[in-house]
Amino acid sequence: MADPDLDQLVEAIASRVRARLGGAALPVLAPLPSALATALRDQPCDDDPAHCSGCGHCVVRKPGAALAVAAEGAVRLGAGPETGPVDSALAGMIDHTLLKADATADDVRKLCEEARKYHFASVCVNSTNVARARGHLGGSGVMVCAVVGFPLGAMVPAAKAFEAREAVRAGADEIDMVLNVGAMKSRDFALVADDIRKVVEAARPARVKVILETGLLSDEEKVIAVSLSKVAGAHFVKTSTGFGPGGATVEDIAMMRRLVGNELGVKASGGVRTKEDAEKMRAAGASRLGASASVAIVTGTAKKEPEAKGKSKPGAY
C-alpha cells in the first residue's frame, strides 16, 4: 500500500533538487594543474608535522604517512586541489567483478589471485561464490562483495533480505542489491524504500550499495531513487548492473555525488573498461568502481571498444 506521507516527502525532495539543478547538466569539476602545484607535488615533503604548511598533497609527497593513517582505520583520505593522479589509489577503488552465470571455481580463484596481486578493494561475485572467494582471500585485506536480487531486482523484499543475510553469513563484507525498478517506475515509493531497508537490516554489519540501473530511469526517477536509498539507510548508490541498457556515465555520477554529498559512496559500474574511463568517473565523484577489466585498467593496457552510443555489453561491468 502506498504511503502518502512518504510520497509527499519524496516529491518535496525531488522538487527541491530539480529547482537547485535548474534543469541544467551538472559540470564535472576537475583540478586544473599549475606550474606551482606541479613543482610542489614533485618534491618530497620535509615539513615538521607541527608546522605543516597544509599544501594538501600528502598522498603524493608523504605516501608512507598516508598509508599509516589508512592502516589505523581511515577509510578515506583528503587531498588538496591539484594533487594530481595517485595511481595506487585507483586499484583500491575497484570492485574486481565476476558475475557471469557460467563462472567456474577456477574463475573465482583467478579473480581472487588478481585481487590479491593488485590490491583491489573487493571481489564482487554472485552469492553462491562468496564462501569460496572468502577462502581464497583470507589475510589479504581484500573484501568480498555479493550481489543480491541480481540482475533484475524484481523479487519480493523478503527474498532479497534472505539472500543478503546468507551472503553475509558466508563471509560477504558488502552487498550490492538491485533496486526494484518496476516499483520505482510505478511510483510505489513505499515498496522501493521497504525493499532497500529490509536488505540493509538483514545485511548488518555489511555495507549495502543500491544498484539503480540508471539506463532504465528518467532523471527525475534517478533523483528519487537516490533519495530513497539515502532515507532507507544504504551506504552507497551505484549506477548499473552491466546487464541492462547503457552503463555508467559521467553525468549520472556527477548528479549522484551532488545529491548524496559526502554522506554516501557513489559507485560507477557498467562499461568502465579503461584507465581513462576510470579516471573520468573518479573525477566526476565516484568513490568506487565496478569492473571486470580491472587488471587492464590499473596496468593501462585496456583499449576502448567501439559500441553503440548509450549501450554497454551485457555483463560488462
Protein backbone atom coordinates (compact mmCIF):
# COMPACT_ATOMS: atom_id res chain seq x y z
CA MET A 1 0.00 0.00 0.00
CA ALA A 2 1.31 3.43 -0.91
CA ASP A 3 2.37 5.70 1.94
CA PRO A 4 1.06 9.25 1.27
CA ASP A 5 3.50 10.78 3.75
CA LEU A 6 6.43 9.12 2.00
CA ASP A 7 5.11 10.14 -1.42
CA GLN A 8 4.86 13.73 -0.21
CA LEU A 9 8.40 13.63 1.22
CA VAL A 10 9.84 12.22 -2.00
CA GLU A 11 8.05 14.82 -4.13
CA ALA A 12 9.34 17.61 -1.88
CA ILE A 13 12.89 16.28 -2.16
CA ALA A 14 12.64 15.89 -5.93
CA SER A 15 11.18 19.38 -6.38
CA ARG A 16 13.90 20.98 -4.31
CA VAL A 17 16.66 19.13 -6.17
CA ARG A 18 15.16 19.99 -9.56
CA ALA A 19 14.98 23.64 -8.55
CA ARG A 20 18.58 23.61 -7.37
CA LEU A 21 19.83 21.92 -10.53
CA GLY A 22 17.76 24.24 -12.68
CA GLY A 23 17.37 21.54 -15.29
CA ALA A 24 20.94 22.05 -16.46
CA ALA A 25 23.55 19.35 -16.81
CA LEU A 26 25.95 19.23 -13.91
CA PRO A 27 29.50 20.28 -14.67
CA VAL A 28 32.32 17.85 -13.98
CA LEU A 29 34.82 19.57 -11.77
CA ALA A 30 38.40 18.54 -12.47
CA PRO A 31 41.53 20.09 -10.93
CA LEU A 32 43.45 22.48 -13.13
CA PRO A 33 47.20 21.82 -12.88
CA SER A 34 49.54 24.77 -12.41
CA ALA A 35 53.32 25.08 -12.55
CA LEU A 36 53.44 25.79 -8.82
CA ALA A 37 51.30 22.81 -7.88
CA THR A 38 53.30 20.52 -10.17
CA ALA A 39 56.60 21.66 -8.71
CA LEU A 40 55.34 21.24 -5.17
CA ARG A 41 53.87 17.84 -5.91
CA ASP A 42 57.15 16.53 -7.32
CA GLN A 43 59.21 17.46 -4.24
CA PRO A 44 59.42 15.20 -1.17
CA CYS A 45 57.94 16.71 1.94
CA ASP A 46 60.29 17.62 4.80
CA ASP A 47 57.82 19.71 6.80
CA ASP A 48 57.67 19.16 10.53
CA PRO A 49 54.11 17.94 11.20
CA ALA A 50 53.81 20.55 13.94
CA HIS A 51 54.49 23.30 11.42
CA CYS A 52 52.82 21.83 8.32
CA SER A 53 52.08 24.36 5.61
CA GLY A 54 48.96 22.40 4.68
CA CYS A 55 49.56 22.03 0.94
CA GLY A 56 47.15 19.08 0.86
CA HIS A 57 49.44 16.87 -1.23
CA CYS A 58 50.33 14.34 1.49
CA VAL A 59 49.16 11.33 -0.52
CA VAL A 60 51.91 12.00 -3.07
CA ARG A 61 54.53 13.86 -1.01
CA LYS A 62 54.22 11.64 2.09
CA PRO A 63 52.72 8.37 0.87
CA GLY A 64 54.10 6.48 3.88
CA ALA A 65 52.25 8.75 6.27
CA ALA A 66 49.04 8.42 4.27
CA LEU A 67 49.29 4.62 4.31
CA ALA A 68 49.95 4.64 8.05
CA VAL A 69 46.76 6.62 8.66
CA ALA A 70 44.82 4.17 6.49
CA ALA A 71 46.28 1.24 8.43
CA GLU A 72 44.91 2.77 11.63
CA GLY A 73 41.39 2.57 10.24
CA ALA A 74 40.81 5.59 7.98
CA VAL A 75 38.52 4.65 5.10
CA ARG A 76 39.02 7.89 3.13
CA LEU A 77 41.91 10.38 2.80
CA GLY A 78 41.55 14.03 1.86
CA ALA A 79 43.76 15.82 -0.65
CA GLY A 80 44.16 19.40 -1.71
CA PRO A 81 43.32 20.92 -5.10
CA GLU A 82 45.65 19.89 -7.96
CA THR A 83 47.03 16.94 -6.05
CA GLY A 84 47.10 15.02 -9.32
CA PRO A 85 46.61 11.33 -10.04
CA VAL A 86 47.54 8.79 -7.36
CA ASP A 87 47.61 5.56 -9.33
CA SER A 88 47.86 3.23 -6.36
CA ALA A 89 44.56 4.60 -5.07
CA LEU A 90 42.80 3.61 -8.27
CA ALA A 91 43.20 -0.09 -7.55
CA GLY A 92 41.88 0.50 -4.05
CA MET A 93 38.65 1.88 -5.51
CA ILE A 94 37.89 -1.12 -7.73
CA ASP A 95 35.47 -3.96 -7.05
CA HIS A 96 37.00 -6.72 -9.22
CA THR A 97 33.94 -8.36 -10.69
CA LEU A 98 32.87 -11.80 -11.92
CA LEU A 99 29.11 -12.21 -12.34
CA LYS A 100 28.77 -14.50 -15.35
CA ALA A 101 26.29 -17.34 -15.00
CA ASP A 102 28.95 -19.84 -16.14
CA ALA A 103 31.70 -18.67 -13.76
CA THR A 104 33.61 -21.73 -12.51
CA ALA A 105 35.50 -22.38 -9.30
CA ASP A 106 38.75 -21.82 -11.22
CA ASP A 107 37.44 -18.48 -12.49
CA VAL A 108 36.71 -17.39 -8.91
CA ARG A 109 40.18 -18.48 -7.79
CA LYS A 110 41.81 -16.47 -10.61
CA LEU A 111 39.68 -13.45 -9.74
CA CYS A 112 40.86 -13.61 -6.13
CA GLU A 113 44.51 -14.08 -7.10
CA GLU A 114 44.32 -10.96 -9.25
CA ALA A 115 42.63 -9.03 -6.45
CA ARG A 116 45.44 -10.03 -4.06
CA LYS A 117 48.13 -9.06 -6.57
CA TYR A 118 46.74 -5.64 -7.44
CA HIS A 119 45.20 -4.81 -4.04
CA PHE A 120 41.68 -4.20 -5.32
CA ALA A 121 39.06 -3.02 -2.83
CA SER A 122 37.00 -6.18 -3.22
CA VAL A 123 35.95 -9.03 -5.43
CA CYS A 124 32.29 -8.89 -6.44
CA VAL A 125 30.63 -12.25 -7.01
CA ASN A 126 27.26 -13.96 -7.00
CA SER A 127 26.19 -15.07 -3.53
CA THR A 128 26.86 -18.74 -4.30
CA ASN A 129 30.58 -17.91 -4.67
CA VAL A 130 31.01 -15.84 -1.51
CA ALA A 131 32.37 -18.61 0.72
CA ARG A 132 34.80 -19.76 -1.98
CA ALA A 133 36.08 -16.21 -2.51
CA ARG A 134 36.43 -15.65 1.24
CA GLY A 135 38.56 -18.78 1.46
CA HIS A 136 40.91 -17.53 -1.26
CA LEU A 137 41.25 -14.04 0.22
CA GLY A 138 41.99 -14.78 3.88
CA GLY A 139 44.52 -12.31 5.30
CA SER A 140 44.68 -10.24 2.11
CA GLY A 141 42.64 -7.24 3.24
CA VAL A 142 40.53 -7.57 0.07
CA MET A 143 36.80 -7.53 0.81
CA VAL A 144 34.17 -9.86 -0.60
CA CYS A 145 31.11 -8.21 -2.15
CA ALA A 146 27.97 -10.17 -3.06
CA VAL A 147 25.22 -9.14 -5.45
CA VAL A 148 21.64 -9.59 -4.28
CA GLY A 149 18.48 -9.69 -6.38
CA PHE A 150 20.77 -9.65 -9.38
CA PRO A 151 20.36 -8.61 -12.16
CA LEU A 152 16.62 -7.80 -12.31
CA GLY A 153 15.78 -6.71 -8.77
CA ALA A 154 12.19 -7.84 -9.26
CA MET A 155 11.80 -10.32 -6.41
CA VAL A 156 9.97 -9.67 -3.13
CA PRO A 157 11.86 -7.77 -0.39
CA ALA A 158 11.93 -10.82 1.89
CA ALA A 159 13.76 -12.83 -0.78
CA LYS A 160 16.42 -10.15 -1.20
CA ALA A 161 16.79 -9.86 2.56
CA PHE A 162 17.25 -13.62 2.89
CA GLU A 163 19.90 -13.70 0.18
CA ALA A 164 21.72 -10.77 1.78
CA ARG A 165 21.69 -12.43 5.21
CA GLU A 166 23.03 -15.71 3.83
CA ALA A 167 25.77 -13.92 1.87
CA VAL A 168 26.94 -12.09 4.99
CA ARG A 169 26.93 -15.36 6.95
CA ALA A 170 29.11 -16.85 4.21
CA GLY A 171 31.63 -14.01 4.56
CA ALA A 172 30.44 -11.03 2.49
CA ASP A 173 31.64 -7.62 3.67
CA GLU A 174 29.44 -5.67 1.26
CA ILE A 175 26.15 -6.23 -0.55
CA ASP A 176 25.23 -4.79 -3.95
CA MET A 177 21.43 -5.01 -4.25
CA VAL A 178 19.37 -4.18 -7.33
CA LEU A 179 16.62 -1.59 -6.98
CA ASN A 180 13.05 -2.69 -7.69
CA VAL A 181 12.95 -0.77 -10.97
CA GLY A 182 9.34 -1.68 -11.76
CA ALA A 183 8.14 -0.34 -8.41
CA MET A 184 10.23 2.80 -8.95
CA LYS A 185 8.65 3.45 -12.34
CA SER A 186 5.19 2.72 -10.88
CA ARG A 187 5.91 5.39 -8.24
CA ASP A 188 5.39 2.84 -5.48
CA PHE A 189 7.95 4.59 -3.32
CA ALA A 190 6.91 2.77 -0.14
CA LEU A 191 7.80 -0.59 -1.72
CA VAL A 192 11.11 0.73 -3.06
CA ALA A 193 12.10 2.08 0.36
CA ASP A 194 10.93 -1.06 2.19
CA ASP A 195 12.90 -3.23 -0.23
CA ILE A 196 16.12 -1.33 0.48
CA ARG A 197 15.51 -1.07 4.22
CA LYS A 198 14.96 -4.82 4.60
CA VAL A 199 18.25 -5.60 2.86
CA VAL A 200 20.13 -3.01 4.93
CA GLU A 201 18.77 -4.52 8.14
CA ALA A 202 19.45 -8.11 7.05
CA ALA A 203 22.99 -7.32 5.90
CA ARG A 204 24.30 -5.69 9.08
CA PRO A 205 27.18 -5.18 9.70
CA ALA A 206 27.95 -5.36 5.96
CA ARG A 207 27.53 -2.20 3.92
CA VAL A 208 24.87 -2.02 1.20
CA LYS A 209 25.09 -0.47 -2.25
CA VAL A 210 21.88 0.14 -4.19
CA ILE A 211 22.14 -0.50 -7.95
CA LEU A 212 19.78 1.95 -9.62
CA GLU A 213 20.03 0.60 -13.19
CA THR A 214 20.21 4.20 -14.39
CA GLY A 215 19.74 3.25 -18.06
CA LEU A 216 16.10 2.42 -17.25
CA LEU A 217 15.31 5.56 -15.24
CA SER A 218 14.45 9.13 -16.12
CA ASP A 219 16.43 11.93 -14.47
CA GLU A 220 13.57 12.55 -12.03
CA GLU A 221 13.42 8.83 -11.16
CA LYS A 222 17.19 8.82 -10.56
CA VAL A 223 16.82 11.72 -8.12
CA ILE A 224 14.01 9.97 -6.24
CA ALA A 225 15.83 6.60 -6.24
CA VAL A 226 18.95 8.18 -4.74
CA SER A 227 16.84 9.99 -2.12
CA LEU A 228 15.02 6.79 -1.15
CA SER A 229 18.31 4.89 -0.90
CA LYS A 230 19.62 7.52 1.48
CA VAL A 231 16.46 7.53 3.61
CA ALA A 232 16.42 3.72 3.79
CA GLY A 233 19.94 3.55 5.21
CA ALA A 234 22.03 2.45 2.22
CA HIS A 235 25.75 3.20 2.26
CA PHE A 236 26.35 3.61 -1.50
CA VAL A 237 24.38 4.31 -4.63
CA LYS A 238 25.52 2.62 -7.81
CA THR A 239 24.76 3.11 -11.48
CA SER A 240 24.24 -0.20 -13.27
CA THR A 241 24.29 -3.98 -13.25
CA GLY A 242 26.15 -4.21 -16.54
CA PHE A 243 23.31 -6.41 -17.79
CA GLY A 244 20.83 -3.60 -18.53
CA PRO A 245 20.75 -0.86 -21.16
CA GLY A 246 23.64 1.58 -21.01
CA GLY A 247 26.09 1.88 -18.15
CA ALA A 248 27.83 4.46 -16.00
CA THR A 249 28.04 7.99 -17.38
CA VAL A 250 29.99 10.95 -16.10
CA GLU A 251 26.76 12.96 -15.94
CA ASP A 252 24.99 10.40 -13.75
CA ILE A 253 27.97 10.07 -11.41
CA ALA A 254 28.20 13.84 -11.02
CA MET A 255 24.47 14.05 -10.29
CA MET A 256 24.60 11.22 -7.76
CA ARG A 257 27.58 12.76 -5.97
CA ARG A 258 25.84 16.14 -5.84
CA LEU A 259 22.75 14.52 -4.32
CA VAL A 260 24.47 12.45 -1.62
CA GLY A 261 27.30 14.84 -0.78
CA ASN A 262 29.82 13.11 1.48
CA GLU A 263 27.24 11.02 3.31
CA LEU A 264 27.17 8.06 0.88
CA GLY A 265 29.58 6.44 -1.51
CA VAL A 266 29.00 6.52 -5.27
CA LYS A 267 29.90 3.53 -7.42
CA ALA A 268 30.32 3.65 -11.19
CA SER A 269 29.71 0.32 -12.91
CA GLY A 270 28.75 -0.79 -16.37
CA GLY A 271 31.09 -0.02 -19.26
CA VAL A 272 34.12 1.07 -17.17
CA ARG A 273 36.82 -0.69 -19.20
CA THR A 274 39.87 1.58 -19.47
CA LYS A 275 42.02 3.69 -17.18
CA GLU A 276 40.65 6.75 -18.96
CA ASP A 277 37.09 5.65 -18.14
CA ALA A 278 38.06 5.10 -14.51
CA GLU A 279 39.77 8.47 -14.14
CA LYS A 280 36.75 10.28 -15.63
CA MET A 281 34.42 8.55 -13.19
CA ARG A 282 36.67 9.34 -10.25
CA ALA A 283 36.90 13.00 -11.29
CA ALA A 284 33.11 13.15 -11.52
CA GLY A 285 32.74 11.92 -7.93
CA ALA A 286 32.87 8.12 -7.93
CA SER A 287 34.40 6.63 -4.79
CA ARG A 288 34.20 3.04 -6.05
CA LEU A 289 34.40 1.45 -9.50
CA GLY A 290 32.92 -1.85 -10.62
CA ALA A 291 34.84 -3.53 -13.42
CA SER A 292 35.66 -6.92 -14.87
CA ALA A 293 38.55 -5.39 -16.84
CA SER A 294 40.21 -4.29 -13.59
CA VAL A 295 43.70 -5.60 -14.34
CA ALA A 296 43.78 -3.91 -17.74
CA ILE A 297 42.57 -0.67 -16.13
CA VAL A 298 45.28 -0.46 -13.48
CA THR A 299 48.04 -1.59 -15.85
CA GLY A 300 46.89 0.79 -18.58
CA THR A 301 46.65 -1.96 -21.21
CA ALA A 302 42.91 -1.77 -21.92
CA LYS A 303 41.69 -0.33 -25.20
CA LYS A 304 38.25 1.18 -25.58
CA GLU A 305 35.98 -0.96 -27.72
CA PRO A 306 33.62 0.77 -30.15
CA GLU A 307 29.98 0.44 -29.12
CA ALA A 308 26.64 1.96 -29.90
CA LYS A 309 26.01 5.22 -28.09
CA GLY A 310 24.45 4.71 -24.67
CA LYS A 311 24.90 0.93 -24.79
CA SER A 312 27.10 -1.45 -22.85
CA LYS A 313 27.71 -5.12 -23.43
CA PRO A 314 25.52 -7.38 -21.25
CA GLY A 315 27.59 -8.46 -18.27
CA ALA A 316 30.37 -5.94 -19.00
CA TYR A 317 30.73 -4.48 -15.54
